[in-house]
Amino acid sequence: MFIRKIFSSFVMANSMKKTLKDFGYAFNKEGKLRQIDPNSNEITDVPFQFEISSSRSKNQENYEALGEVINEYVYELLEQNNMHRLYFPENTPKEKASFVFSTFSDLEKQIDKLMIIVHGSGVVRAGQWARSLIINDSLDKGTVLPYIKRAREYGYEVIVTNTNDKKIGGRNPEEHAQNVWNLFTSKSKHIAIVAHSYGGVVVTDLAEKFKKDFDEKVFAVAFTDSVHGSRSVSSRLIDIGVNFVSSDAPLNEKLQSYNDIERRSAGTPKHELTSYQCMEKLFEFILQKEKDINKKSEL
């Protein structure tokens, strides 16, 4: 009974922590999570410490509570980078509605080039590839921010999905993505998609559900260690897609594809690192596909 009370107090204490500073952390100039010196209030060189007590359950509870704060922190970073939070369905209270982040807020705007970014399953939310990378490595490696910056440099509008936010309009990742497609892509002429891990399943579902529209608009699909293997893929996806998979092989080396989407090495054996590690080659792939459609339109 006494142990249960202690743990309940610990959970309550964590639930009251609303900011990184409440946890004693901040991101430094390099985007790395570091401890704050309680005396000077300055950021130290000490990284995140998982073990804060002898109780494994307390350590995990603290990590998960910190992760929830990280979600909101990344949302704020997206907004600081001129991304708009778009809620759906219409006329739904915001606390109950799903949302995505977008570089545009005018849904009637005609868009020539759109990039849709789809994360994987689990605890990650919009803007994240991997919570573990954000906490233990850096924001650059763990978030989609470098992708947004690069896409904007190449003239793309961007939508960042939030497929694990299971609210009205997005009770599962596939439904969330279907609503995003219906609501936010009608004015887009050319679409490129980047999808990590379970995001590959979400995209193959989109290709099936919206086949005609998908085939007409989507000119490139770049997966990063997609787990769509149990699903059949269309000839269109095979034609326009690539899957950068975790591998010890050199970056971009072509691998056996098993009658599926072309597989290339992401240059790392770590699943969660694939999106960051292959980014340069991934954008080269998309830009080449863009050149291909431009050549076709000139004929």
C-alpha atoms as a PDB file:
ATOM      1  CA  MET A   1       0.000   0.000   0.000  1.00  0.00           C
ATOM      2  CA  PHE A   2       2.851   2.350   0.936  1.00  0.00           C
ATOM      3  CA  ILE A   3       4.687   1.620  -2.367  1.00  0.00           C
ATOM      4  CA  ARG A   4       1.499   2.267  -4.338  1.00  0.00           C
ATOM      5  CA  LYS A   5       1.132   5.685  -2.653  1.00  0.00           C
ATOM      6  CA  ILE A   6       4.725   6.598  -3.475  1.00  0.00           C
ATOM      7  CA  PHE A   7       4.257   5.622  -7.131  1.00  0.00           C
ATOM      8  CA  SER A   8       0.956   7.525  -7.339  1.00  0.00           C
ATOM      9  CA  SER A   9       2.708  10.629  -5.991  1.00  0.00           C
ATOM     10  CA  PHE A  10       5.455  10.183  -8.572  1.00  0.00           C
ATOM     11  CA  VAL A  11       2.925   9.922 -11.405  1.00  0.00           C
ATOM     12  CA  MET A  12       1.115  13.022 -10.126  1.00  0.00           C
ATOM     13  CA  ALA A  13       4.390  14.941  -9.905  1.00  0.00           C
ATOM     14  CA  ASN A  14       5.216  14.046 -13.516  1.00  0.00           C
ATOM     15  CA  SER A  15       1.742  15.012 -14.703  1.00  0.00           C
ATOM     16  CA  MET A  16       2.308  18.491 -13.273  1.00  0.00           C
ATOM     17  CA  LYS A  17       5.435  19.014 -15.370  1.00  0.00           C
ATOM     18  CA  LYS A  18       4.385  20.960 -18.459  1.00  0.00           C
ATOM     19  CA  THR A  19       7.695  22.180 -19.891  1.00  0.00           C
ATOM     20  CA  LEU A  20      11.195  20.865 -20.530  1.00  0.00           C
ATOM     21  CA  LYS A  21      12.452  23.163 -17.793  1.00  0.00           C
ATOM     22  CA  ASP A  22      10.102  21.455 -15.334  1.00  0.00           C
ATOM     23  CA  PHE A  23      12.030  18.262 -16.083  1.00  0.00           C
ATOM     24  CA  GLY A  24      15.350  20.077 -15.723  1.00  0.00           C
ATOM     25  CA  TYR A  25      16.221  20.026 -19.442  1.00  0.00           C
ATOM     26  CA  ALA A  26      16.601  22.309 -22.445  1.00  0.00           C
ATOM     27  CA  PHE A  27      17.817  21.998 -26.020  1.00  0.00           C
ATOM     28  CA  ASN A  28      21.173  23.659 -26.688  1.00  0.00           C
ATOM     29  CA  LYS A  29      22.176  25.512 -29.865  1.00  0.00           C
ATOM     30  CA  GLU A  30      23.000  22.211 -31.574  1.00  0.00           C
ATOM     31  CA  GLY A  31      19.492  20.898 -30.897  1.00  0.00           C
ATOM     32  CA  LYS A  32      20.696  18.412 -28.282  1.00  0.00           C
ATOM     33  CA  LEU A  33      18.748  17.819 -25.066  1.00  0.00           C
ATOM     34  CA  ARG A  34      20.889  18.719 -22.060  1.00  0.00           C
ATOM     35  CA  GLN A  35      20.399  19.145 -18.318  1.00  0.00           C
ATOM     36  CA  ILE A  36      19.972  22.606 -16.835  1.00  0.00           C
ATOM     37  CA  ASP A  37      22.201  23.538 -13.920  1.00  0.00           C
ATOM     38  CA  PRO A  38      19.723  24.184 -11.070  1.00  0.00           C
ATOM     39  CA  ASN A  39      22.021  26.811  -9.538  1.00  0.00           C
ATOM     40  CA  SER A  40      23.050  28.879 -12.564  1.00  0.00           C
ATOM     41  CA  ASN A  41      20.049  27.949 -14.753  1.00  0.00           C
ATOM     42  CA  GLU A  42      22.507  27.431 -17.632  1.00  0.00           C
ATOM     43  CA  ILE A  43      22.471  24.515 -20.075  1.00  0.00           C
ATOM     44  CA  THR A  44      25.168  21.983 -19.230  1.00  0.00           C
ATOM     45  CA  ASP A  45      26.805  19.266 -21.328  1.00  0.00           C
ATOM     46  CA  VAL A  46      25.031  16.504 -19.392  1.00  0.00           C
ATOM     47  CA  PRO A  47      22.671  14.504 -21.659  1.00  0.00           C
ATOM     48  CA  PHE A  48      19.343  12.933 -20.750  1.00  0.00           C
ATOM     49  CA  GLN A  49      19.518  10.461 -17.877  1.00  0.00           C
ATOM     50  CA  PHE A  50      16.987   7.648 -18.080  1.00  0.00           C
ATOM     51  CA  GLU A  51      17.744   6.212 -14.645  1.00  0.00           C
ATOM     52  CA  ILE A  52      16.575   8.698 -12.055  1.00  0.00           C
ATOM     53  CA  SER A  53      15.769   6.102  -9.397  1.00  0.00           C
ATOM     54  CA  SER A  54      16.184   2.419  -8.598  1.00  0.00           C
ATOM     55  CA  SER A  55      12.635   1.789  -9.808  1.00  0.00           C
ATOM     56  CA  ARG A  56      12.439   0.743 -13.439  1.00  0.00           C
ATOM     57  CA  SER A  57       8.756   1.695 -13.614  1.00  0.00           C
ATOM     58  CA  LYS A  58       9.501   5.194 -12.289  1.00  0.00           C
ATOM     59  CA  ASN A  59      12.249   5.655 -14.860  1.00  0.00           C
ATOM     60  CA  GLN A  60       9.901   4.616 -17.661  1.00  0.00           C
ATOM     61  CA  GLU A  61       7.106   6.821 -16.345  1.00  0.00           C
ATOM     62  CA  ASN A  62       9.443   9.813 -16.291  1.00  0.00           C
ATOM     63  CA  TYR A  63      10.628   9.073 -19.834  1.00  0.00           C
ATOM     64  CA  GLU A  64       7.062   8.838 -21.147  1.00  0.00           C
ATOM     65  CA  ALA A  65       6.022  12.021 -19.365  1.00  0.00           C
ATOM     66  CA  LEU A  66       9.012  13.828 -20.871  1.00  0.00           C
ATOM     67  CA  GLY A  67       7.987  12.450 -24.270  1.00  0.00           C
ATOM     68  CA  GLU A  68       4.553  14.082 -23.967  1.00  0.00           C
ATOM     69  CA  VAL A  69       6.234  17.421 -23.346  1.00  0.00           C
ATOM     70  CA  ILE A  70       8.502  16.776 -26.343  1.00  0.00           C
ATOM     71  CA  ASN A  71       5.368  16.396 -28.493  1.00  0.00           C
ATOM     72  CA  GLU A  72       4.243  19.910 -27.640  1.00  0.00           C
ATOM     73  CA  TYR A  73       7.763  21.276 -28.007  1.00  0.00           C
ATOM     74  CA  VAL A  74       8.021  19.920 -31.562  1.00  0.00           C
ATOM     75  CA  TYR A  75       4.585  21.341 -32.374  1.00  0.00           C
ATOM     76  CA  GLU A  76       5.860  24.749 -31.282  1.00  0.00           C
ATOM     77  CA  LEU A  77       8.975  24.329 -33.445  1.00  0.00           C
ATOM     78  CA  LEU A  78       6.807  23.559 -36.462  1.00  0.00           C
ATOM     79  CA  GLU A  79       4.785  26.707 -35.877  1.00  0.00           C
ATOM     80  CA  GLN A  80       7.981  28.729 -35.435  1.00  0.00           C
ATOM     81  CA  ASN A  81       8.977  27.425 -38.871  1.00  0.00           C
ATOM     82  CA  ASN A  82       5.841  28.914 -40.441  1.00  0.00           C
ATOM     83  CA  MET A  83       3.728  25.763 -40.314  1.00  0.00           C
ATOM     84  CA  HIS A  84       0.008  26.189 -39.708  1.00  0.00           C
ATOM     85  CA  ARG A  85      -2.032  23.824 -37.547  1.00  0.00           C
ATOM     86  CA  LEU A  86      -5.080  22.762 -39.585  1.00  0.00           C
ATOM     87  CA  TYR A  87      -7.889  21.037 -37.662  1.00  0.00           C
ATOM     88  CA  PHE A  88     -10.502  18.651 -39.021  1.00  0.00           C
ATOM     89  CA  PRO A  89     -13.342  17.756 -39.320  1.00  0.00           C
ATOM     90  CA  GLU A  90     -14.935  21.191 -39.595  1.00  0.00           C
ATOM     91  CA  ASN A  91     -17.072  22.464 -36.719  1.00  0.00           C
ATOM     92  CA  THR A  92     -15.385  20.073 -34.263  1.00  0.00           C
ATOM     93  CA  PRO A  93     -13.996  21.454 -30.970  1.00  0.00           C
ATOM     94  CA  LYS A  94     -10.207  21.637 -31.242  1.00  0.00           C
ATOM     95  CA  GLU A  95      -9.672  19.427 -28.216  1.00  0.00           C
ATOM     96  CA  LYS A  96     -11.545  16.626 -30.002  1.00  0.00           C
ATOM     97  CA  ALA A  97     -10.355  17.213 -33.573  1.00  0.00           C
ATOM     98  CA  SER A  98      -7.408  15.783 -35.469  1.00  0.00           C
ATOM     99  CA  PHE A  99      -4.907  18.149 -37.023  1.00  0.00           C
ATOM    100  CA  VAL A 100      -1.958  18.363 -39.376  1.00  0.00           C
ATOM    101  CA  PHE A 101       0.706  20.984 -39.973  1.00  0.00           C
ATOM    102  CA  SER A 102       0.914  22.739 -43.309  1.00  0.00           C
ATOM    103  CA  THR A 103       2.931  25.498 -44.951  1.00  0.00           C
ATOM    104  CA  PHE A 104      -0.330  26.885 -46.327  1.00  0.00           C
ATOM    105  CA  SER A 105      -3.554  27.832 -44.580  1.00  0.00           C
ATOM    106  CA  ASP A 106      -5.618  28.831 -47.621  1.00  0.00           C
ATOM    107  CA  LEU A 107      -7.196  25.580 -48.777  1.00  0.00           C
ATOM    108  CA  GLU A 108      -8.262  27.206 -52.049  1.00  0.00           C
ATOM    109  CA  LYS A 109      -4.666  27.994 -52.974  1.00  0.00           C
ATOM    110  CA  GLN A 110      -3.548  26.334 -56.213  1.00  0.00           C
ATOM    111  CA  ILE A 111      -0.433  24.301 -55.433  1.00  0.00           C
ATOM    112  CA  ASP A 112       1.995  23.180 -58.091  1.00  0.00           C
ATOM    113  CA  LYS A 113       4.211  20.981 -55.900  1.00  0.00           C
ATOM    114  CA  LEU A 114       3.216  19.434 -52.577  1.00  0.00           C
ATOM    115  CA  MET A 115       5.201  17.150 -50.293  1.00  0.00           C
ATOM    116  CA  ILE A 116       3.323  15.017 -47.753  1.00  0.00           C
ATOM    117  CA  ILE A 117       5.375  13.662 -44.833  1.00  0.00           C
ATOM    118  CA  VAL A 118       4.064  10.599 -42.974  1.00  0.00           C
ATOM    119  CA  HIS A 119       5.687   9.354 -39.771  1.00  0.00           C
ATOM    120  CA  GLY A 120       5.576   5.828 -38.354  1.00  0.00           C
ATOM    121  CA  SER A 121       3.441   4.198 -35.650  1.00  0.00           C
ATOM    122  CA  GLY A 122       3.657   4.330 -31.866  1.00  0.00           C
ATOM    123  CA  VAL A 123       4.156   7.345 -29.625  1.00  0.00           C
ATOM    124  CA  VAL A 124       5.483   9.772 -32.247  1.00  0.00           C
ATOM    125  CA  ARG A 125       3.333  12.693 -33.302  1.00  0.00           C
ATOM    126  CA  ALA A 126       3.456  15.247 -36.104  1.00  0.00           C
ATOM    127  CA  GLY A 127       6.994  16.384 -36.858  1.00  0.00           C
ATOM    128  CA  GLN A 128       8.776  13.382 -35.350  1.00  0.00           C
ATOM    129  CA  TRP A 129      10.646  10.462 -36.869  1.00  0.00           C
ATOM    130  CA  ALA A 130      11.693   9.013 -33.501  1.00  0.00           C
ATOM    131  CA  ARG A 131      11.224  10.236 -29.938  1.00  0.00           C
ATOM    132  CA  SER A 132      14.326   8.341 -28.820  1.00  0.00           C
ATOM    133  CA  LEU A 133      16.484  10.267 -31.299  1.00  0.00           C
ATOM    134  CA  ILE A 134      15.071  13.606 -30.190  1.00  0.00           C
ATOM    135  CA  ILE A 135      15.795  12.840 -26.548  1.00  0.00           C
ATOM    136  CA  ASN A 136      19.092  10.992 -26.890  1.00  0.00           C
ATOM    137  CA  ASP A 137      20.597  12.493 -30.044  1.00  0.00           C
ATOM    138  CA  SER A 138      19.285  15.692 -31.630  1.00  0.00           C
ATOM    139  CA  LEU A 139      16.311  17.501 -33.096  1.00  0.00           C
ATOM    140  CA  ASP A 140      17.845  17.299 -36.573  1.00  0.00           C
ATOM    141  CA  LYS A 141      17.997  13.516 -36.490  1.00  0.00           C
ATOM    142  CA  GLY A 142      14.705  12.933 -34.704  1.00  0.00           C
ATOM    143  CA  THR A 143      12.384  15.442 -36.369  1.00  0.00           C
ATOM    144  CA  VAL A 144      11.202  16.276 -39.886  1.00  0.00           C
ATOM    145  CA  LEU A 145      12.451  19.874 -39.656  1.00  0.00           C
ATOM    146  CA  PRO A 146      15.424  19.298 -42.014  1.00  0.00           C
ATOM    147  CA  TYR A 147      12.990  17.795 -44.542  1.00  0.00           C
ATOM    148  CA  ILE A 148      10.687  20.796 -44.359  1.00  0.00           C
ATOM    149  CA  LYS A 149      13.590  23.183 -44.845  1.00  0.00           C
ATOM    150  CA  ARG A 150      14.911  21.250 -47.847  1.00  0.00           C
ATOM    151  CA  ALA A 151      11.472  20.855 -49.416  1.00  0.00           C
ATOM    152  CA  ARG A 152      10.835  24.590 -49.124  1.00  0.00           C
ATOM    153  CA  GLU A 153      14.186  25.305 -50.774  1.00  0.00           C
ATOM    154  CA  TYR A 154      13.015  23.265 -53.754  1.00  0.00           C
ATOM    155  CA  GLY A 155       9.706  25.118 -53.975  1.00  0.00           C
ATOM    156  CA  TYR A 156       7.391  22.598 -52.295  1.00  0.00           C
ATOM    157  CA  GLU A 157       4.461  23.297 -50.046  1.00  0.00           C
ATOM    158  CA  VAL A 158       4.470  20.755 -47.198  1.00  0.00           C
ATOM    159  CA  ILE A 159       1.906  18.840 -45.161  1.00  0.00           C
ATOM    160  CA  VAL A 160       3.114  17.033 -42.029  1.00  0.00           C
ATOM    161  CA  THR A 161       0.616  14.369 -41.000  1.00  0.00           C
ATOM    162  CA  ASN A 162      -0.263  13.385 -37.445  1.00  0.00           C
ATOM    163  CA  THR A 163      -1.484   9.840 -37.972  1.00  0.00           C
ATOM    164  CA  ASN A 164      -1.111   8.671 -34.355  1.00  0.00           C
ATOM    165  CA  ASP A 165      -3.342  11.423 -32.987  1.00  0.00           C
ATOM    166  CA  LYS A 166      -6.411   9.238 -32.554  1.00  0.00           C
ATOM    167  CA  LYS A 167      -9.185  11.803 -32.316  1.00  0.00           C
ATOM    168  CA  ILE A 168     -12.296  12.505 -34.363  1.00  0.00           C
ATOM    169  CA  GLY A 169     -11.229  12.447 -37.983  1.00  0.00           C
ATOM    170  CA  GLY A 170      -8.291  10.165 -37.307  1.00  0.00           C
ATOM    171  CA  ARG A 171      -9.183   7.121 -35.243  1.00  0.00           C
ATOM    172  CA  ASN A 172      -6.393   5.143 -36.910  1.00  0.00           C
ATOM    173  CA  PRO A 173      -3.459   6.125 -39.148  1.00  0.00           C
ATOM    174  CA  GLU A 174      -5.182   5.067 -42.365  1.00  0.00           C
ATOM    175  CA  GLU A 175      -8.347   7.039 -41.617  1.00  0.00           C
ATOM    176  CA  HIS A 176      -6.319  10.101 -40.670  1.00  0.00           C
ATOM    177  CA  ALA A 177      -4.408   9.968 -43.975  1.00  0.00           C
ATOM    178  CA  GLN A 178      -7.596   9.420 -45.979  1.00  0.00           C
ATOM    179  CA  ASN A 179      -9.094  12.554 -44.432  1.00  0.00           C
ATOM    180  CA  VAL A 180      -5.913  14.495 -45.123  1.00  0.00           C
ATOM    181  CA  TRP A 181      -6.060  13.414 -48.759  1.00  0.00           C
ATOM    182  CA  ASN A 182      -9.725  14.364 -49.114  1.00  0.00           C
ATOM    183  CA  LEU A 183      -9.415  17.711 -47.365  1.00  0.00           C
ATOM    184  CA  PHE A 184      -6.016  19.089 -48.298  1.00  0.00           C
ATOM    185  CA  THR A 185      -4.844  17.776 -51.686  1.00  0.00           C
ATOM    186  CA  SER A 186      -7.634  18.748 -54.082  1.00  0.00           C
ATOM    187  CA  LYS A 187      -5.818  21.913 -55.221  1.00  0.00           C
ATOM    188  CA  SER A 188      -2.428  20.193 -55.638  1.00  0.00           C
ATOM    189  CA  LYS A 189      -1.137  19.366 -59.116  1.00  0.00           C
ATOM    190  CA  HIS A 190       2.002  17.353 -58.351  1.00  0.00           C
ATOM    191  CA  ILE A 191       2.513  15.422 -55.105  1.00  0.00           C
ATOM    192  CA  ALA A 192       5.599  13.746 -53.638  1.00  0.00           C
ATOM    193  CA  ILE A 193       5.287  11.612 -50.499  1.00  0.00           C
ATOM    194  CA  VAL A 194       7.876  10.703 -47.861  1.00  0.00           C
ATOM    195  CA  ALA A 195       6.805   7.948 -45.459  1.00  0.00           C
ATOM    196  CA  HIS A 196       8.683   6.244 -42.632  1.00  0.00           C
ATOM    197  CA  SER A 197       8.083   2.750 -41.231  1.00  0.00           C
ATOM    198  CA  TYR A 198       4.303   2.155 -40.785  1.00  0.00           C
ATOM    199  CA  GLY A 199       3.810   5.259 -42.889  1.00  0.00           C
ATOM    200  CA  GLY A 200       4.490   2.941 -45.809  1.00  0.00           C
ATOM    201  CA  VAL A 201       1.365   0.956 -44.968  1.00  0.00           C
ATOM    202  CA  VAL A 202      -0.603   4.194 -44.739  1.00  0.00           C
ATOM    203  CA  VAL A 203       0.583   5.287 -48.185  1.00  0.00           C
ATOM    204  CA  THR A 204      -0.141   1.949 -49.868  1.00  0.00           C
ATOM    205  CA  ASP A 205      -3.628   2.229 -48.412  1.00  0.00           C
ATOM    206  CA  LEU A 206      -3.995   5.701 -49.945  1.00  0.00           C
ATOM    207  CA  ALA A 207      -2.821   4.360 -53.308  1.00  0.00           C
ATOM    208  CA  GLU A 208      -5.599   1.746 -53.170  1.00  0.00           C
ATOM    209  CA  LYS A 209      -8.407   3.941 -51.826  1.00  0.00           C
ATOM    210  CA  PHE A 210      -7.781   6.871 -54.178  1.00  0.00           C
ATOM    211  CA  LYS A 211      -6.239   5.034 -57.108  1.00  0.00           C
ATOM    212  CA  LYS A 212      -7.286   7.355 -59.955  1.00  0.00           C
ATOM    213  CA  ASP A 213      -6.514  10.599 -58.137  1.00  0.00           C
ATOM    214  CA  PHE A 214      -3.343   9.138 -56.587  1.00  0.00           C
ATOM    215  CA  ASP A 215      -2.020   7.881 -59.936  1.00  0.00           C
ATOM    216  CA  GLU A 216      -2.686  11.235 -61.599  1.00  0.00           C
ATOM    217  CA  LYS A 217      -1.116  13.431 -58.928  1.00  0.00           C
ATOM    218  CA  VAL A 218       1.605  11.487 -57.129  1.00  0.00           C
ATOM    219  CA  PHE A 219       4.852  11.413 -59.089  1.00  0.00           C
ATOM    220  CA  ALA A 220       7.265  10.182 -56.380  1.00  0.00           C
ATOM    221  CA  VAL A 221       7.015   8.120 -53.203  1.00  0.00           C
ATOM    222  CA  ALA A 222      10.087   7.748 -51.003  1.00  0.00           C
ATOM    223  CA  PHE A 223       9.777   5.283 -48.137  1.00  0.00           C
ATOM    224  CA  THR A 224      12.277   5.025 -45.301  1.00  0.00           C
ATOM    225  CA  ASP A 225      12.405   1.495 -43.922  1.00  0.00           C
ATOM    226  CA  SER A 226       8.752   0.937 -44.744  1.00  0.00           C
ATOM    227  CA  VAL A 227       6.968  -2.058 -43.208  1.00  0.00           C
ATOM    228  CA  HIS A 228       4.398  -2.403 -46.002  1.00  0.00           C
ATOM    229  CA  GLY A 229       5.799  -5.820 -46.964  1.00  0.00           C
ATOM    230  CA  SER A 230       2.627  -7.760 -46.164  1.00  0.00           C
ATOM    231  CA  ARG A 231       0.569  -5.596 -48.525  1.00  0.00           C
ATOM    232  CA  SER A 232       0.442  -5.822 -52.291  1.00  0.00           C
ATOM    233  CA  VAL A 233       1.626  -2.720 -54.113  1.00  0.00           C
ATOM    234  CA  SER A 234       0.394  -1.338 -57.410  1.00  0.00           C
ATOM    235  CA  SER A 235       2.504  -1.183 -60.551  1.00  0.00           C
ATOM    236  CA  ARG A 236       2.247   2.608 -60.234  1.00  0.00           C
ATOM    237  CA  LEU A 237       3.910   2.573 -56.814  1.00  0.00           C
ATOM    238  CA  ILE A 238       6.617   0.276 -58.115  1.00  0.00           C
ATOM    239  CA  ASP A 239       7.204   2.713 -60.974  1.00  0.00           C
ATOM    240  CA  ILE A 240       7.452   5.877 -58.865  1.00  0.00           C
ATOM    241  CA  GLY A 241       8.668   4.507 -55.529  1.00  0.00           C
ATOM    242  CA  VAL A 242      11.841   3.694 -53.643  1.00  0.00           C
ATOM    243  CA  ASN A 243      12.376   2.279 -50.170  1.00  0.00           C
ATOM    244  CA  PHE A 244      15.539   3.330 -48.319  1.00  0.00           C
ATOM    245  CA  VAL A 245      15.934   0.425 -45.900  1.00  0.00           C
ATOM    246  CA  SER A 246      18.110  -0.172 -42.858  1.00  0.00           C
ATOM    247  CA  SER A 247      21.254  -1.889 -44.039  1.00  0.00           C
ATOM    248  CA  ASP A 248      25.003  -2.176 -43.509  1.00  0.00           C
ATOM    249  CA  ALA A 249      25.466  -1.610 -47.246  1.00  0.00           C
ATOM    250  CA  PRO A 250      26.740   1.786 -48.466  1.00  0.00           C
ATOM    251  CA  LEU A 251      24.185   4.588 -48.760  1.00  0.00           C
ATOM    252  CA  ASN A 252      22.002   4.355 -51.884  1.00  0.00           C
ATOM    253  CA  GLU A 253      23.323   0.933 -52.933  1.00  0.00           C
ATOM    254  CA  LYS A 254      20.561  -0.994 -54.703  1.00  0.00           C
ATOM    255  CA  LEU A 255      19.378  -4.111 -52.853  1.00  0.00           C
ATOM    256  CA  GLN A 256      17.266  -7.101 -53.833  1.00  0.00           C
ATOM    257  CA  SER A 257      13.676  -5.921 -54.192  1.00  0.00           C
ATOM    258  CA  TYR A 258      11.633  -9.171 -54.101  1.00  0.00           C
ATOM    259  CA  ASN A 259       9.190  -8.053 -56.840  1.00  0.00           C
ATOM    260  CA  ASP A 260       8.367  -5.020 -54.746  1.00  0.00           C
ATOM    261  CA  ILE A 261       9.253  -1.330 -54.687  1.00  0.00           C
ATOM    262  CA  GLU A 262      12.928  -0.720 -55.399  1.00  0.00           C
ATOM    263  CA  ARG A 263      15.043  -1.077 -52.267  1.00  0.00           C
ATOM    264  CA  ARG A 264      18.162   0.940 -51.581  1.00  0.00           C
ATOM    265  CA  SER A 265      20.381   1.111 -48.526  1.00  0.00           C
ATOM    266  CA  ALA A 266      19.681   3.998 -46.175  1.00  0.00           C
ATOM    267  CA  GLY A 267      23.302   3.812 -45.091  1.00  0.00           C
ATOM    268  CA  THR A 268      22.528   2.734 -41.533  1.00  0.00           C
ATOM    269  CA  PRO A 269      21.407  -0.514 -39.871  1.00  0.00           C
ATOM    270  CA  LYS A 270      19.301   1.459 -37.367  1.00  0.00           C
ATOM    271  CA  HIS A 271      15.619   1.658 -38.299  1.00  0.00           C
ATOM    272  CA  GLU A 272      14.951   4.948 -36.531  1.00  0.00           C
ATOM    273  CA  LEU A 273      17.911   6.672 -38.227  1.00  0.00           C
ATOM    274  CA  THR A 274      17.010   5.809 -41.815  1.00  0.00           C
ATOM    275  CA  SER A 275      15.051   9.004 -42.582  1.00  0.00           C
ATOM    276  CA  TYR A 276      17.866  11.270 -41.446  1.00  0.00           C
ATOM    277  CA  GLN A 277      20.678   9.226 -42.906  1.00  0.00           C
ATOM    278  CA  CYS A 278      19.265   8.925 -46.437  1.00  0.00           C
ATOM    279  CA  MET A 279      17.862  12.447 -46.769  1.00  0.00           C
ATOM    280  CA  GLU A 280      20.308  13.676 -49.421  1.00  0.00           C
ATOM    281  CA  LYS A 281      19.774  10.674 -51.695  1.00  0.00           C
ATOM    282  CA  LEU A 282      16.055  10.686 -51.023  1.00  0.00           C
ATOM    283  CA  PHE A 283      15.730  14.250 -52.275  1.00  0.00           C
ATOM    284  CA  GLU A 284      17.890  13.395 -55.276  1.00  0.00           C
ATOM    285  CA  PHE A 285      15.384  10.664 -56.090  1.00  0.00           C
ATOM    286  CA  ILE A 286      12.405  13.010 -55.790  1.00  0.00           C
ATOM    287  CA  LEU A 287      14.063  15.722 -57.856  1.00  0.00           C
ATOM    288  CA  GLN A 288      14.870  13.204 -60.586  1.00  0.00           C
ATOM    289  CA  LYS A 289      11.234  12.105 -60.662  1.00  0.00           C
ATOM    290  CA  GLU A 290      10.256  15.761 -60.864  1.00  0.00           C
ATOM    291  CA  LYS A 291      12.551  16.210 -63.883  1.00  0.00           C
ATOM    292  CA  ASP A 292      10.978  13.140 -65.491  1.00  0.00           C
ATOM    293  CA  ILE A 293       7.447  14.545 -65.290  1.00  0.00           C
ATOM    294  CA  ASN A 294       8.639  17.914 -66.546  1.00  0.00           C
ATOM    295  CA  LYS A 295      10.163  16.228 -69.595  1.00  0.00           C
ATOM    296  CA  LYS A 296       6.914  14.369 -70.263  1.00  0.00           C
ATOM    297  CA  SER A 297       4.922  17.598 -70.082  1.00  0.00           C
ATOM    298  CA  GLU A 298       7.232  19.185 -72.670  1.00  0.00           C
ATOM    299  CA  LEU A 299       6.625  16.426 -75.212  1.00  0.00           C
END
